[in-house]
Amino acid sequence: MPLSEQEQRLLDEMERSLYHGDADFVAAVGRVRTGVNYTAVIGGILLAVAGVGVLLGGVLLHAWPVGVLGFVAMFAGVLLAIGAPRRRAPFAGAPHGTRRRGSMMDRLAARWERRRQA
């Protein structure tokens, strides 16, 4: 069911007010985070391997506090390697209008305009 002229004007006005009034929100929604922080992954793996070594040393020495410390280090290393924060894409923090690719909202608006003209 197509929209009436009044509904179409109201929708257009709401879209314009969203773009102009909530520029910070539109910029935050359009951010894309890609890539892997390899330094954190490698550091996490090294910490996990060191934790396994300390854990085995604690077991061999019959010192449970050392074993617990090794387990904690191993667990922290795995968490660091698996949940390594990703780097932001080069265009993610750029001001509106200077991005290399259009944001999701820009692409949706362009598609909407193409539909209306067809």
Protein backbone atom coordinates (compact mmCIF):
# COMPACT_ATOMS: atom_id res chain seq x y z
CA MET A 1 0.00 0.00 0.00
CA PRO A 2 1.65 3.28 -1.08
CA LEU A 3 1.98 6.22 1.29
CA SER A 4 -0.22 9.25 0.88
CA GLU A 5 1.37 12.60 -0.01
CA GLN A 6 1.06 13.86 3.57
CA GLU A 7 2.62 10.68 4.99
CA GLN A 8 5.43 10.88 2.44
CA ARG A 9 6.17 14.51 3.35
CA LEU A 10 6.13 13.64 7.04
CA LEU A 11 8.52 10.74 6.49
CA ASP A 12 10.88 12.95 4.47
CA GLU A 13 10.81 15.60 7.18
CA MET A 14 11.58 13.01 9.85
CA GLU A 15 14.54 11.70 7.83
CA ARG A 16 15.94 15.19 7.33
CA SER A 17 15.62 15.99 11.02
CA LEU A 18 17.40 12.74 11.88
CA TYR A 19 20.30 13.52 9.56
CA HIS A 20 20.65 17.13 10.72
CA GLY A 21 19.69 16.87 14.38
CA ASP A 22 21.40 13.61 15.34
CA ALA A 23 24.66 13.82 13.42
CA ASP A 24 26.56 12.31 16.36
CA PHE A 25 24.19 9.35 16.49
CA VAL A 26 24.42 8.79 12.73
CA ALA A 27 28.23 8.97 12.92
CA ALA A 28 28.32 6.50 15.83
CA VAL A 29 26.04 4.03 14.07
CA GLY A 30 28.08 4.24 10.88
CA ARG A 31 31.39 3.28 12.51
CA VAL A 32 32.93 0.05 11.29
CA ARG A 33 35.56 -1.80 13.24
CA THR A 34 37.74 -4.18 11.26
CA GLY A 35 41.12 -5.81 11.51
CA VAL A 36 42.82 -7.71 14.29
CA ASN A 37 45.29 -6.36 16.81
CA TYR A 38 48.06 -8.89 16.22
CA THR A 39 50.21 -7.48 19.00
CA ALA A 40 47.54 -8.33 21.57
CA VAL A 41 47.03 -11.80 20.07
CA ILE A 42 50.75 -12.62 20.18
CA GLY A 43 51.07 -11.18 23.69
CA GLY A 44 48.09 -13.25 24.83
CA ILE A 45 49.56 -16.43 23.38
CA LEU A 46 52.91 -15.77 25.06
CA LEU A 47 51.20 -15.07 28.38
CA ALA A 48 49.16 -18.29 28.08
CA VAL A 49 52.28 -20.36 27.36
CA ALA A 50 54.09 -18.75 30.30
CA GLY A 51 51.04 -19.47 32.47
CA VAL A 52 51.13 -23.15 31.49
CA GLY A 53 54.82 -23.23 32.44
CA VAL A 54 54.17 -21.64 35.83
CA LEU A 55 51.21 -23.98 36.38
CA LEU A 56 53.36 -27.04 35.67
CA GLY A 57 56.12 -25.65 37.89
CA GLY A 58 53.64 -25.23 40.72
CA VAL A 59 52.42 -28.81 40.31
CA LEU A 60 55.97 -30.19 40.25
CA LEU A 61 56.96 -28.17 43.34
CA HIS A 62 53.71 -29.07 45.15
CA ALA A 63 53.08 -25.35 45.67
CA TRP A 64 49.42 -24.74 44.98
CA PRO A 65 49.68 -20.89 45.14
CA VAL A 66 52.19 -20.99 42.30
CA GLY A 67 49.89 -23.31 40.34
CA VAL A 68 46.93 -20.98 40.88
CA LEU A 69 49.04 -18.02 39.76
CA GLY A 70 50.01 -19.96 36.63
CA PHE A 71 46.37 -20.81 35.92
CA VAL A 72 45.35 -17.18 36.30
CA ALA A 73 48.14 -16.08 33.93
CA MET A 74 47.16 -18.77 31.43
CA PHE A 75 43.49 -17.77 31.59
CA ALA A 76 44.31 -14.07 31.20
CA GLY A 77 46.50 -14.86 28.18
CA VAL A 78 43.73 -16.82 26.48
CA LEU A 79 41.23 -14.03 27.15
CA LEU A 80 43.66 -11.47 25.74
CA ALA A 81 44.32 -13.54 22.62
CA ILE A 82 40.69 -14.40 21.91
CA GLY A 83 39.11 -11.09 22.83
CA ALA A 84 41.83 -8.88 21.39
CA PRO A 85 40.37 -5.43 20.69
CA ARG A 86 40.14 -4.66 17.01
CA ARG A 87 41.59 -1.58 15.39
CA ARG A 88 39.20 0.86 13.82
CA ALA A 89 39.15 1.27 10.09
CA PRO A 90 40.93 4.40 8.78
CA PHE A 91 37.64 6.05 7.82
CA ALA A 92 35.74 5.21 11.04
CA GLY A 93 36.53 8.40 12.94
CA ALA A 94 36.56 10.81 10.03
CA PRO A 95 34.18 13.77 10.10
CA HIS A 96 30.92 13.45 8.20
CA GLY A 97 31.43 13.80 4.46
CA THR A 98 35.14 12.89 4.40
CA ARG A 99 34.83 9.11 4.52
CA ARG A 100 36.04 7.01 1.65
CA ARG A 101 32.84 4.94 1.62
CA GLY A 102 29.36 6.17 2.34
CA SER A 103 27.83 5.30 5.67
CA MET A 104 24.99 2.86 5.93
CA MET A 105 22.50 5.70 6.33
CA ASP A 106 23.82 7.41 3.19
CA ARG A 107 23.48 4.21 1.18
CA LEU A 108 19.95 3.64 2.47
CA ALA A 109 18.99 7.22 1.65
CA ALA A 110 20.37 6.87 -1.89
CA ARG A 111 18.48 3.62 -2.40
CA TRP A 112 15.30 5.25 -1.09
CA GLU A 113 15.70 8.12 -3.57
CA ARG A 114 16.22 5.69 -6.46
CA ARG A 115 12.99 3.88 -5.50
CA ARG A 116 11.03 7.09 -5.34
CA GLN A 117 12.25 8.18 -8.77
CA ALA A 118 11.47 4.81 -10.41
